Amino acid sequence: MNIYLDKFDKKLEEIGLHFLRYADDCNIFVKSKMFADQVMKSVSSWLERKLFLKVNATKTKVGRPTKSNFLGFAFFKTGEKWQYKPGDNRKAKLYEKIRLLLCRRKAAV
C-alpha cells in the first residue's frame, strides 16, 4: 500500500497541489470551488484507474479548510499563514475525560 501512496504523493506534487495525507486519509487544498470539483474528479479517476483504489463517495467532500476537520484538527488562517488546532469536538471529549478523572466528590484511594 505504501508504494501506491508514494505514487499518489508524487502525482499531487507534479500537479503542484498542496495536500495533507496521513495513511489513507488525504486533504487537497485549492483556491476555488470550481477547481476543487475538477481536482476531485481527476484525482478520484486517477486513483481508480492507475492504483486500483476505490474512493469512498460518502466520505469524499469539497469544502473550505476552515470548515473541515482532519484527524481531529481544525485549520485557520492568520494573515498569510495557515495553522491548526484541536477540533471543538476533540476538546469537548478531553474536557469530559478530565472532569471525570478530577471529580471533587470522589475520594482518592
PDB file of N, CA and C in Angstrom:
ATOM      1  N   MET A   1       0.822  -1.191   0.000  1.00  0.00           N
ATOM      2  CA  MET A   1       0.000   0.000   0.000  1.00  0.00           C
ATOM      3  C   MET A   1       0.865   1.254   0.000  1.00  0.00           C
ATOM      4  N   ASN A   2       2.018   1.205   0.669  1.00  0.00           N
ATOM      5  CA  ASN A   2       2.901   2.357   0.762  1.00  0.00           C
ATOM      6  C   ASN A   2       3.422   2.788  -0.601  1.00  0.00           C
ATOM      7  N   ILE A   3       3.696   1.841  -1.488  1.00  0.00           N
ATOM      8  CA  ILE A   3       4.165   2.160  -2.839  1.00  0.00           C
ATOM      9  C   ILE A   3       3.086   2.943  -3.585  1.00  0.00           C
ATOM     10  N   TYR A   4       1.836   2.536  -3.410  1.00  0.00           N
ATOM     11  CA  TYR A   4       0.735   3.230  -4.071  1.00  0.00           C
ATOM     12  C   TYR A   4       0.619   4.668  -3.578  1.00  0.00           C
ATOM     13  N   LEU A   5       0.732   4.845  -2.273  1.00  0.00           N
ATOM     14  CA  LEU A   5       0.584   6.179  -1.714  1.00  0.00           C
ATOM     15  C   LEU A   5       1.761   7.073  -2.096  1.00  0.00           C
ATOM     16  N   ASP A   6       2.953   6.509  -2.241  1.00  0.00           N
ATOM     17  CA  ASP A   6       4.092   7.293  -2.723  1.00  0.00           C
ATOM     18  C   ASP A   6       3.830   7.792  -4.139  1.00  0.00           C
ATOM     19  N   LYS A   7       3.255   6.933  -4.986  1.00  0.00           N
ATOM     20  CA  LYS A   7       2.899   7.350  -6.349  1.00  0.00           C
ATOM     21  C   LYS A   7       1.862   8.467  -6.307  1.00  0.00           C
ATOM     22  N   PHE A   8       0.902   8.331  -5.390  1.00  0.00           N
ATOM     23  CA  PHE A   8      -0.142   9.341  -5.235  1.00  0.00           C
ATOM     24  C   PHE A   8       0.465  10.685  -4.829  1.00  0.00           C
ATOM     25  N   ASP A   9       1.376  10.656  -3.846  1.00  0.00           N
ATOM     26  CA  ASP A   9       2.042  11.878  -3.407  1.00  0.00           C
ATOM     27  C   ASP A   9       2.815  12.532  -4.545  1.00  0.00           C
ATOM     28  N   LYS A  10       3.536  11.732  -5.308  1.00  0.00           N
ATOM     29  CA  LYS A  10       4.319  12.272  -6.433  1.00  0.00           C
ATOM     30  C   LYS A  10       3.418  12.886  -7.487  1.00  0.00           C
ATOM     31  N   LYS A  11       2.281  12.255  -7.737  1.00  0.00           N
ATOM     32  CA  LYS A  11       1.331  12.785  -8.717  1.00  0.00           C
ATOM     33  C   LYS A  11       0.796  14.145  -8.268  1.00  0.00           C
ATOM     34  N   LEU A  12       0.420  14.274  -7.002  1.00  0.00           N
ATOM     35  CA  LEU A  12      -0.079  15.549  -6.492  1.00  0.00           C
ATOM     36  C   LEU A  12       1.006  16.624  -6.520  1.00  0.00           C
ATOM     37  N   GLU A  13       2.253  16.245  -6.221  1.00  0.00           N
ATOM     38  CA  GLU A  13       3.357  17.203  -6.280  1.00  0.00           C
ATOM     39  C   GLU A  13       3.628  17.643  -7.707  1.00  0.00           C
ATOM     40  N   GLU A  14       3.538  16.715  -8.676  1.00  0.00           N
ATOM     41  CA  GLU A  14       3.715  17.058 -10.093  1.00  0.00           C
ATOM     42  C   GLU A  14       2.700  18.102 -10.530  1.00  0.00           C
ATOM     43  N   ILE A  15       1.455  17.918 -10.106  1.00  0.00           N
ATOM     44  CA  ILE A  15       0.389  18.844 -10.477  1.00  0.00           C
ATOM     45  C   ILE A  15       0.584  20.185  -9.776  1.00  0.00           C
ATOM     46  N   GLY A  16       1.276  20.184  -8.634  1.00  0.00           N
ATOM     47  CA  GLY A  16       1.514  21.412  -7.889  1.00  0.00           C
ATOM     48  C   GLY A  16       0.441  21.710  -6.863  1.00  0.00           C
ATOM     49  N   LEU A  17      -0.197  20.670  -6.327  1.00  0.00           N
ATOM     50  CA  LEU A  17      -1.260  20.850  -5.343  1.00  0.00           C
ATOM     51  C   LEU A  17      -0.698  20.787  -3.926  1.00  0.00           C
ATOM     52  N   HIS A  18      -1.320  21.529  -3.020  1.00  0.00           N
ATOM     53  CA  HIS A  18      -0.982  21.468  -1.604  1.00  0.00           C
ATOM     54  C   HIS A  18      -1.880  20.420  -0.973  1.00  0.00           C
ATOM     55  N   PHE A  19      -1.293  19.526  -0.195  1.00  0.00           N
ATOM     56  CA  PHE A  19      -2.096  18.450   0.371  1.00  0.00           C
ATOM     57  C   PHE A  19      -1.545  17.993   1.716  1.00  0.00           C
ATOM     58  N   LEU A  20      -2.407  17.361   2.499  1.00  0.00           N
ATOM     59  CA  LEU A  20      -2.065  16.686   3.740  1.00  0.00           C
ATOM     60  C   LEU A  20      -2.492  15.244   3.586  1.00  0.00           C
ATOM     61  N   ARG A  21      -1.623  14.328   3.982  1.00  0.00           N
ATOM     62  CA  ARG A  21      -2.002  12.926   3.924  1.00  0.00           C
ATOM     63  C   ARG A  21      -1.456  12.227   5.144  1.00  0.00           C
ATOM     64  N   TYR A  22      -2.289  11.399   5.755  1.00  0.00           N
ATOM     65  CA  TYR A  22      -1.870  10.537   6.840  1.00  0.00           C
ATOM     66  C   TYR A  22      -2.492   9.176   6.563  1.00  0.00           C
ATOM     67  N   ALA A  23      -1.643   8.181   6.345  1.00  0.00           N
ATOM     68  CA  ALA A  23      -2.088   6.839   5.952  1.00  0.00           C
ATOM     69  C   ALA A  23      -2.946   6.958   4.696  1.00  0.00           C
ATOM     70  N   ASP A  24      -4.206   6.556   4.756  1.00  0.00           N
ATOM     71  CA  ASP A  24      -5.037   6.624   3.554  1.00  0.00           C
ATOM     72  C   ASP A  24      -6.001   7.806   3.578  1.00  0.00           C
ATOM     73  N   ASP A  25      -5.868   8.704   4.571  1.00  0.00           N
ATOM     74  CA  ASP A  25      -6.689   9.920   4.620  1.00  0.00           C
ATOM     75  C   ASP A  25      -5.926  11.058   3.962  1.00  0.00           C
ATOM     76  N   CYS A  26      -6.638  11.848   3.173  1.00  0.00           N
ATOM     77  CA  CYS A  26      -5.967  12.911   2.438  1.00  0.00           C
ATOM     78  C   CYS A  26      -6.871  14.130   2.295  1.00  0.00           C
ATOM     79  N   ASN A  27      -6.282  15.326   2.436  1.00  0.00           N
ATOM     80  CA  ASN A  27      -6.939  16.593   2.132  1.00  0.00           C
ATOM     81  C   ASN A  27      -6.112  17.288   1.066  1.00  0.00           C
ATOM     82  N   ILE A  28      -6.785  17.809   0.041  1.00  0.00           N
ATOM     83  CA  ILE A  28      -6.119  18.557  -1.027  1.00  0.00           C
ATOM     84  C   ILE A  28      -6.676  19.965  -1.003  1.00  0.00           C
ATOM     85  N   PHE A  29      -5.786  20.956  -1.023  1.00  0.00           N
ATOM     86  CA  PHE A  29      -6.200  22.352  -0.902  1.00  0.00           C
ATOM     87  C   PHE A  29      -5.995  23.101  -2.209  1.00  0.00           C
ATOM     88  N   VAL A  30      -7.054  23.755  -2.691  1.00  0.00           N
ATOM     89  CA  VAL A  30      -7.012  24.585  -3.898  1.00  0.00           C
ATOM     90  C   VAL A  30      -7.741  25.892  -3.596  1.00  0.00           C
ATOM     91  N   LYS A  31      -7.673  26.850  -4.535  1.00  0.00           N
ATOM     92  CA  LYS A  31      -8.199  28.184  -4.262  1.00  0.00           C
ATOM     93  C   LYS A  31      -9.687  28.361  -4.535  1.00  0.00           C
ATOM     94  N   SER A  32     -10.277  27.606  -5.453  1.00  0.00           N
ATOM     95  CA  SER A  32     -11.685  27.846  -5.784  1.00  0.00           C
ATOM     96  C   SER A  32     -12.491  26.547  -5.756  1.00  0.00           C
ATOM     97  N   LYS A  33     -13.800  26.687  -5.580  1.00  0.00           N
ATOM     98  CA  LYS A  33     -14.686  25.523  -5.559  1.00  0.00           C
ATOM     99  C   LYS A  33     -14.728  24.840  -6.924  1.00  0.00           C
ATOM    100  N   MET A  34     -14.715  25.640  -7.992  1.00  0.00           N
ATOM    101  CA  MET A  34     -14.743  25.070  -9.336  1.00  0.00           C
ATOM    102  C   MET A  34     -13.498  24.206  -9.569  1.00  0.00           C
ATOM    103  N   PHE A  35     -12.333  24.714  -9.180  1.00  0.00           N
ATOM    104  CA  PHE A  35     -11.095  23.952  -9.343  1.00  0.00           C
ATOM    105  C   PHE A  35     -11.107  22.728  -8.423  1.00  0.00           C
ATOM    106  N   ALA A  36     -11.692  22.865  -7.230  1.00  0.00           N
ATOM    107  CA  ALA A  36     -11.773  21.739  -6.301  1.00  0.00           C
ATOM    108  C   ALA A  36     -12.597  20.598  -6.890  1.00  0.00           C
ATOM    109  N   ASP A  37     -13.715  20.933  -7.532  1.00  0.00           N
ATOM    110  CA  ASP A  37     -14.537  19.898  -8.165  1.00  0.00           C
ATOM    111  C   ASP A  37     -13.771  19.189  -9.275  1.00  0.00           C
ATOM    112  N   GLN A  38     -13.021  19.952 -10.066  1.00  0.00           N
ATOM    113  CA  GLN A  38     -12.229  19.362 -11.149  1.00  0.00           C
ATOM    114  C   GLN A  38     -11.137  18.450 -10.586  1.00  0.00           C
ATOM    115  N   VAL A  39     -10.454  18.925  -9.548  1.00  0.00           N
ATOM    116  CA  VAL A  39      -9.373  18.142  -8.947  1.00  0.00           C
ATOM    117  C   VAL A  39      -9.923  16.863  -8.330  1.00  0.00           C
ATOM    118  N   MET A  40     -11.056  16.962  -7.645  1.00  0.00           N
ATOM    119  CA  MET A  40     -11.632  15.771  -7.028  1.00  0.00           C
ATOM    120  C   MET A  40     -11.991  14.729  -8.087  1.00  0.00           C
ATOM    121  N   LYS A  41     -12.575  15.190  -9.183  1.00  0.00           N
ATOM    122  CA  LYS A  41     -12.942  14.252 -10.244  1.00  0.00           C
ATOM    123  C   LYS A  41     -11.700  13.599 -10.851  1.00  0.00           C
ATOM    124  N   SER A  42     -10.669  14.391 -11.142  1.00  0.00           N
ATOM    125  CA  SER A  42      -9.488  13.831 -11.794  1.00  0.00           C
ATOM    126  C   SER A  42      -8.679  12.950 -10.842  1.00  0.00           C
ATOM    127  N   VAL A  43      -8.554  13.344  -9.566  1.00  0.00           N
ATOM    128  CA  VAL A  43      -7.806  12.539  -8.604  1.00  0.00           C
ATOM    129  C   VAL A  43      -8.527  11.221  -8.338  1.00  0.00           C
ATOM    130  N   SER A  44      -9.845  11.271  -8.193  1.00  0.00           N
ATOM    131  CA  SER A  44     -10.610  10.032  -7.976  1.00  0.00           C
ATOM    132  C   SER A  44     -10.459   9.090  -9.162  1.00  0.00           C
ATOM    133  N   SER A  45     -10.551   9.643 -10.356  1.00  0.00           N
ATOM    134  CA  SER A  45     -10.391   8.836 -11.562  1.00  0.00           C
ATOM    135  C   SER A  45      -8.995   8.230 -11.630  1.00  0.00           C
ATOM    136  N   TRP A  46      -7.983   9.032 -11.328  1.00  0.00           N
ATOM    137  CA  TRP A  46      -6.593   8.560 -11.380  1.00  0.00           C
ATOM    138  C   TRP A  46      -6.359   7.455 -10.365  1.00  0.00           C
ATOM    139  N   LEU A  47      -6.889   7.620  -9.137  1.00  0.00           N
ATOM    140  CA  LEU A  47      -6.728   6.590  -8.104  1.00  0.00           C
ATOM    141  C   LEU A  47      -7.367   5.270  -8.525  1.00  0.00           C
ATOM    142  N   GLU A  48      -8.527   5.348  -9.160  1.00  0.00           N
ATOM    143  CA  GLU A  48      -9.211   4.125  -9.563  1.00  0.00           C
ATOM    144  C   GLU A  48      -8.574   3.479 -10.796  1.00  0.00           C
ATOM    145  N   ARG A  49      -8.122   4.299 -11.754  1.00  0.00           N
ATOM    146  CA  ARG A  49      -7.529   3.750 -12.972  1.00  0.00           C
ATOM    147  C   ARG A  49      -6.109   3.234 -12.762  1.00  0.00           C
ATOM    148  N   LYS A  50      -5.264   4.042 -12.119  1.00  0.00           N
ATOM    149  CA  LYS A  50      -3.841   3.702 -12.014  1.00  0.00           C
ATOM    150  C   LYS A  50      -3.505   2.835 -10.809  1.00  0.00           C
ATOM    151  N   LEU A  51      -4.124   3.104  -9.672  1.00  0.00           N
ATOM    152  CA  LEU A  51      -3.771   2.390  -8.454  1.00  0.00           C
ATOM    153  C   LEU A  51      -4.801   1.351  -8.038  1.00  0.00           C
ATOM    154  N   PHE A  52      -5.923   1.299  -8.766  1.00  0.00           N
ATOM    155  CA  PHE A  52      -6.997   0.337  -8.494  1.00  0.00           C
ATOM    156  C   PHE A  52      -7.515   0.468  -7.060  1.00  0.00           C
ATOM    157  N   LEU A  53      -7.584   1.718  -6.574  1.00  0.00           N
ATOM    158  CA  LEU A  53      -8.120   2.005  -5.253  1.00  0.00           C
ATOM    159  C   LEU A  53      -9.514   2.590  -5.395  1.00  0.00           C
ATOM    160  N   LYS A  54     -10.407   2.207  -4.523  1.00  0.00           N
ATOM    161  CA  LYS A  54     -11.781   2.690  -4.560  1.00  0.00           C
ATOM    162  C   LYS A  54     -11.907   3.915  -3.653  1.00  0.00           C
ATOM    163  N   VAL A  55     -12.460   4.993  -4.197  1.00  0.00           N
ATOM    164  CA  VAL A  55     -12.689   6.214  -3.432  1.00  0.00           C
ATOM    165  C   VAL A  55     -14.091   6.143  -2.841  1.00  0.00           C
ATOM    166  N   ASN A  56     -14.199   6.328  -1.533  1.00  0.00           N
ATOM    167  CA  ASN A  56     -15.483   6.264  -0.848  1.00  0.00           C
ATOM    168  C   ASN A  56     -16.234   7.575  -1.084  1.00  0.00           C
ATOM    169  N   ALA A  57     -17.274   7.539  -1.900  1.00  0.00           N
ATOM    170  CA  ALA A  57     -18.020   8.741  -2.278  1.00  0.00           C
ATOM    171  C   ALA A  57     -18.782   9.341  -1.099  1.00  0.00           C
ATOM    172  N   THR A  58     -19.153   8.535  -0.117  1.00  0.00           N
ATOM    173  CA  THR A  58     -19.889   9.073   1.022  1.00  0.00           C
ATOM    174  C   THR A  58     -18.990   9.892   1.952  1.00  0.00           C
ATOM    175  N   LYS A  59     -17.706   9.563   2.013  1.00  0.00           N
ATOM    176  CA  LYS A  59     -16.779  10.309   2.858  1.00  0.00           C
ATOM    177  C   LYS A  59     -16.121  11.467   2.111  1.00  0.00           C
ATOM    178  N   THR A  60     -16.123  11.423   0.795  1.00  0.00           N
ATOM    179  CA  THR A  60     -15.446  12.420  -0.010  1.00  0.00           C
ATOM    180  C   THR A  60     -16.302  13.671  -0.125  1.00  0.00           C
ATOM    181  N   LYS A  61     -15.668  14.841   0.091  1.00  0.00           N
ATOM    182  CA  LYS A  61     -16.429  16.081   0.015  1.00  0.00           C
ATOM    183  C   LYS A  61     -15.519  17.237  -0.414  1.00  0.00           C
ATOM    184  N   VAL A  62     -16.154  18.289  -0.882  1.00  0.00           N
ATOM    185  CA  VAL A  62     -15.469  19.523  -1.225  1.00  0.00           C
ATOM    186  C   VAL A  62     -15.947  20.572  -0.235  1.00  0.00           C
ATOM    187  N   GLY A  63     -15.009  21.276   0.396  1.00  0.00           N
ATOM    188  CA  GLY A  63     -15.389  22.292   1.364  1.00  0.00           C
ATOM    189  C   GLY A  63     -14.220  23.181   1.731  1.00  0.00           C
ATOM    190  N   ARG A  64     -14.499  24.193   2.491  1.00  0.00           N
ATOM    191  CA  ARG A  64     -13.469  25.124   2.927  1.00  0.00           C
ATOM    192  C   ARG A  64     -12.610  24.499   4.028  1.00  0.00           C
ATOM    193  N   PRO A  65     -11.309  24.789   4.046  1.00  0.00           N
ATOM    194  CA  PRO A  65     -10.441  24.234   5.093  1.00  0.00           C
ATOM    195  C   PRO A  65     -10.868  24.673   6.497  1.00  0.00           C
ATOM    196  N   THR A  66     -11.389  25.888   6.615  1.00  0.00           N
ATOM    197  CA  THR A  66     -11.797  26.376   7.933  1.00  0.00           C
ATOM    198  C   THR A  66     -13.036  25.664   8.451  1.00  0.00           C
ATOM    199  N   LYS A  67     -13.776  25.007   7.580  1.00  0.00           N
ATOM    200  CA  LYS A  67     -14.985  24.281   7.985  1.00  0.00           C
ATOM    201  C   LYS A  67     -14.745  22.768   8.070  1.00  0.00           C
ATOM    202  N   SER A  68     -13.540  22.335   7.756  1.00  0.00           N
ATOM    203  CA  SER A  68     -13.274  20.900   7.755  1.00  0.00           C
ATOM    204  C   SER A  68     -12.553  20.481   9.027  1.00  0.00           C
ATOM    205  N   ASN A  69     -12.478  19.175   9.217  1.00  0.00           N
ATOM    206  CA  ASN A  69     -11.816  18.585  10.362  1.00  0.00           C
ATOM    207  C   ASN A  69     -11.013  17.407   9.825  1.00  0.00           C
ATOM    208  N   PHE A  70      -9.703  17.420  10.031  1.00  0.00           N
ATOM    209  CA  PHE A  70      -8.842  16.354   9.523  1.00  0.00           C
ATOM    210  C   PHE A  70      -8.129  15.698  10.694  1.00  0.00           C
ATOM    211  N   LEU A  71      -8.480  14.450  10.960  1.00  0.00           N
ATOM    212  CA  LEU A  71      -7.902  13.663  12.037  1.00  0.00           C
ATOM    213  C   LEU A  71      -7.984  14.376  13.382  1.00  0.00           C
ATOM    214  N   GLY A  72      -9.116  15.057  13.618  1.00  0.00           N
ATOM    215  CA  GLY A  72      -9.343  15.714  14.895  1.00  0.00           C
ATOM    216  C   GLY A  72      -8.808  17.132  14.983  1.00  0.00           C
ATOM    217  N   PHE A  73      -8.274  17.661  13.888  1.00  0.00           N
ATOM    218  CA  PHE A  73      -7.734  19.021  13.906  1.00  0.00           C
ATOM    219  C   PHE A  73      -8.499  19.924  12.950  1.00  0.00           C
ATOM    220  N   ALA A  74      -8.668  21.169  13.364  1.00  0.00           N
ATOM    221  CA  ALA A  74      -9.305  22.198  12.542  1.00  0.00           C
ATOM    222  C   ALA A  74      -8.225  23.163  12.060  1.00  0.00           C
ATOM    223  N   PHE A  75      -8.463  23.822  10.933  1.00  0.00           N
ATOM    224  CA  PHE A  75      -7.485  24.734  10.352  1.00  0.00           C
ATOM    225  C   PHE A  75      -8.022  26.157  10.366  1.00  0.00           C
ATOM    226  N   PHE A  76      -7.123  27.115  10.559  1.00  0.00           N
ATOM    227  CA  PHE A  76      -7.485  28.524  10.500  1.00  0.00           C
ATOM    228  C   PHE A  76      -6.306  29.314   9.946  1.00  0.00           C
ATOM    229  N   LYS A  77      -6.602  30.498   9.431  1.00  0.00           N
ATOM    230  CA  LYS A  77      -5.583  31.305   8.778  1.00  0.00           C
ATOM    231  C   LYS A  77      -5.351  32.587   9.572  1.00  0.00           C
ATOM    232  N   THR A  78      -4.081  32.883   9.847  1.00  0.00           N
ATOM    233  CA  THR A  78      -3.698  34.136  10.485  1.00  0.00           C
ATOM    234  C   THR A  78      -2.789  34.875   9.508  1.00  0.00           C
ATOM    235  N   GLY A  79      -3.314  35.905   8.888  1.00  0.00           N
ATOM    236  CA  GLY A  79      -2.545  36.622   7.871  1.00  0.00           C
ATOM    237  C   GLY A  79      -2.330  35.738   6.658  1.00  0.00           C
ATOM    238  N   GLU A  80      -1.089  35.479   6.340  1.00  0.00           N
ATOM    239  CA  GLU A  80      -0.740  34.612   5.206  1.00  0.00           C
ATOM    240  C   GLU A  80      -0.465  33.175   5.628  1.00  0.00           C
ATOM    241  N   LYS A  81      -0.424  32.921   6.925  1.00  0.00           N
ATOM    242  CA  LYS A  81      -0.001  31.622   7.427  1.00  0.00           C
ATOM    243  C   LYS A  81      -1.191  30.783   7.896  1.00  0.00           C
ATOM    244  N   TRP A  82      -1.222  29.509   7.493  1.00  0.00           N
ATOM    245  CA  TRP A  82      -2.242  28.568   7.948  1.00  0.00           C
ATOM    246  C   TRP A  82      -1.738  27.883   9.202  1.00  0.00           C
ATOM    247  N   GLN A  83      -2.651  27.682  10.168  1.00  0.00           N
ATOM    248  CA  GLN A  83      -2.317  26.993  11.402  1.00  0.00           C
ATOM    249  C   GLN A  83      -3.403  25.965  11.716  1.00  0.00           C
ATOM    250  N   TYR A  84      -3.151  25.154  12.711  1.00  0.00           N
ATOM    251  CA  TYR A  84      -4.122  24.136  13.098  1.00  0.00           C
ATOM    252  C   TYR A  84      -4.297  24.138  14.604  1.00  0.00           C
ATOM    253  N   LYS A  85      -5.424  23.595  15.037  1.00  0.00           N
ATOM    254  CA  LYS A  85      -5.730  23.450  16.455  1.00  0.00           C
ATOM    255  C   LYS A  85      -6.623  22.233  16.615  1.00  0.00           C
ATOM    256  N   PRO A  86      -6.695  21.689  17.826  1.00  0.00           N
ATOM    257  CA  PRO A  86      -7.613  20.562  18.026  1.00  0.00           C
ATOM    258  C   PRO A  86      -9.040  21.000  17.740  1.00  0.00           C
ATOM    259  N   GLY A  87      -9.816  20.147  17.100  1.00  0.00           N
ATOM    260  CA  GLY A  87     -11.209  20.458  16.783  1.00  0.00           C
ATOM    261  C   GLY A  87     -12.058  20.586  18.038  1.00  0.00           C
ATOM    262  N   ASP A  88     -13.171  21.293  17.916  1.00  0.00           N
ATOM    263  CA  ASP A  88     -14.031  21.538  19.068  1.00  0.00           C
ATOM    264  C   ASP A  88     -14.541  20.246  19.692  1.00  0.00           C
ATOM    265  N   ASN A  89     -14.913  19.271  18.869  1.00  0.00           N
ATOM    266  CA  ASN A  89     -15.421  18.017  19.425  1.00  0.00           C
ATOM    267  C   ASN A  89     -14.328  17.268  20.184  1.00  0.00           C
ATOM    268  N   ARG A  90     -13.073  17.372  19.752  1.00  0.00           N
ATOM    269  CA  ARG A  90     -11.961  16.726  20.460  1.00  0.00           C
ATOM    270  C   ARG A  90     -11.722  17.400  21.807  1.00  0.00           C
ATOM    271  N   LYS A  91     -11.798  18.726  21.825  1.00  0.00           N
ATOM    272  CA  LYS A  91     -11.614  19.448  23.086  1.00  0.00           C
ATOM    273  C   LYS A  91     -12.719  19.081  24.072  1.00  0.00           C
ATOM    274  N   ALA A  92     -13.952  18.982  23.598  1.00  0.00           N
ATOM    275  CA  ALA A  92     -15.067  18.627  24.473  1.00  0.00           C
ATOM    276  C   ALA A  92     -14.866  17.237  25.075  1.00  0.00           C
ATOM    277  N   LYS A  93     -14.399  16.279  24.283  1.00  0.00           N
ATOM    278  CA  LYS A  93     -14.143  14.926  24.797  1.00  0.00           C
ATOM    279  C   LYS A  93     -13.024  14.939  25.833  1.00  0.00           C
ATOM    280  N   LEU A  94     -11.971  15.715  25.575  1.00  0.00           N
ATOM    281  CA  LEU A  94     -10.858  15.812  26.519  1.00  0.00           C
ATOM    282  C   LEU A  94     -11.320  16.430  27.827  1.00  0.00           C
ATOM    283  N   TYR A  95     -12.091  17.516  27.769  1.00  0.00           N
ATOM    284  CA  TYR A  95     -12.582  18.167  28.977  1.00  0.00           C
ATOM    285  C   TYR A  95     -13.483  17.229  29.779  1.00  0.00           C
ATOM    286  N   GLU A  96     -14.296  16.439  29.092  1.00  0.00           N
ATOM    287  CA  GLU A  96     -15.164  15.485  29.779  1.00  0.00           C
ATOM    288  C   GLU A  96     -14.342  14.415  30.503  1.00  0.00           C
ATOM    289  N   LYS A  97     -13.291  13.904  29.855  1.00  0.00           N
ATOM    290  CA  LYS A  97     -12.423  12.910  30.497  1.00  0.00           C
ATOM    291  C   LYS A  97     -11.735  13.499  31.718  1.00  0.00           C
ATOM    292  N   ILE A  98     -11.258  14.728  31.588  1.00  0.00           N
ATOM    293  CA  ILE A  98     -10.591  15.388  32.715  1.00  0.00           C
ATOM    294  C   ILE A  98     -11.579  15.604  33.856  1.00  0.00           C
ATOM    295  N   ARG A  99     -12.793  16.023  33.514  1.00  0.00           N
ATOM    296  CA  ARG A  99     -13.820  16.247  34.528  1.00  0.00           C
ATOM    297  C   ARG A  99     -14.114  14.962  35.300  1.00  0.00           C
ATOM    298  N   LEU A 100     -14.160  13.821  34.615  1.00  0.00           N
ATOM    299  CA  LEU A 100     -14.423  12.548  35.290  1.00  0.00           C
ATOM    300  C   LEU A 100     -13.251  12.140  36.191  1.00  0.00           C
ATOM    301  N   LEU A 101     -12.031  12.362  35.698  1.00  0.00           N
ATOM    302  CA  LEU A 101     -10.848  11.983  36.474  1.00  0.00           C
ATOM    303  C   LEU A 101     -10.641  12.875  37.694  1.00  0.00           C
ATOM    304  N   LEU A 102     -10.987  14.123  37.578  1.00  0.00           N
ATOM    305  CA  LEU A 102     -10.721  15.077  38.641  1.00  0.00           C
ATOM    306  C   LEU A 102     -11.989  15.471  39.416  1.00  0.00           C
ATOM    307  N   CYS A 103     -12.945  14.605  39.432  1.00  0.00           N
ATOM    308  CA  CYS A 103     -14.195  14.873  40.121  1.00  0.00           C
ATOM    309  C   CYS A 103     -13.929  15.087  41.612  1.00  0.00           C
ATOM    310  N   ARG A 104     -14.391  16.224  42.170  1.00  0.00           N
ATOM    311  CA  ARG A 104     -14.106  16.566  43.569  1.00  0.00           C
ATOM    312  C   ARG A 104     -14.898  15.735  44.552  1.00  0.00           C
ATOM    313  N   ARG A 105     -15.989  15.139  44.104  1.00  0.00           N
ATOM    314  CA  ARG A 105     -16.829  14.355  45.007  1.00  0.00           C
ATOM    315  C   ARG A 105     -16.247  12.965  45.285  1.00  0.00           C
ATOM    316  N   LYS A 106     -15.321  12.519  44.460  1.00  0.00           N
ATOM    317  CA  LYS A 106     -14.732  11.190  44.660  1.00  0.00           C
ATOM    318  C   LYS A 106     -13.479  11.315  45.535  1.00  0.00           C
ATOM    319  N   ALA A 107     -13.386  10.485  46.522  1.00  0.00           N
ATOM    320  CA  ALA A 107     -12.202  10.490  47.382  1.00  0.00           C
ATOM    321  C   ALA A 107     -11.091   9.666  46.732  1.00  0.00           C
ATOM    322  N   ALA A 108      -9.881  10.174  46.791  1.00  0.00           N
ATOM    323  CA  ALA A 108      -8.735   9.449  46.223  1.00  0.00           C
ATOM    324  C   ALA A 108      -8.373   8.306  47.162  1.00  0.00           C
ATOM    325  N   VAL A 109      -8.136   7.138  46.605  1.00  0.00           N
ATOM    326  CA  VAL A 109      -7.814   5.970  47.395  1.00  0.00           C
ATOM    327  C   VAL A 109      -6.382   5.581  47.166  1.00  0.00           C
TER     328      VAL A 109
END
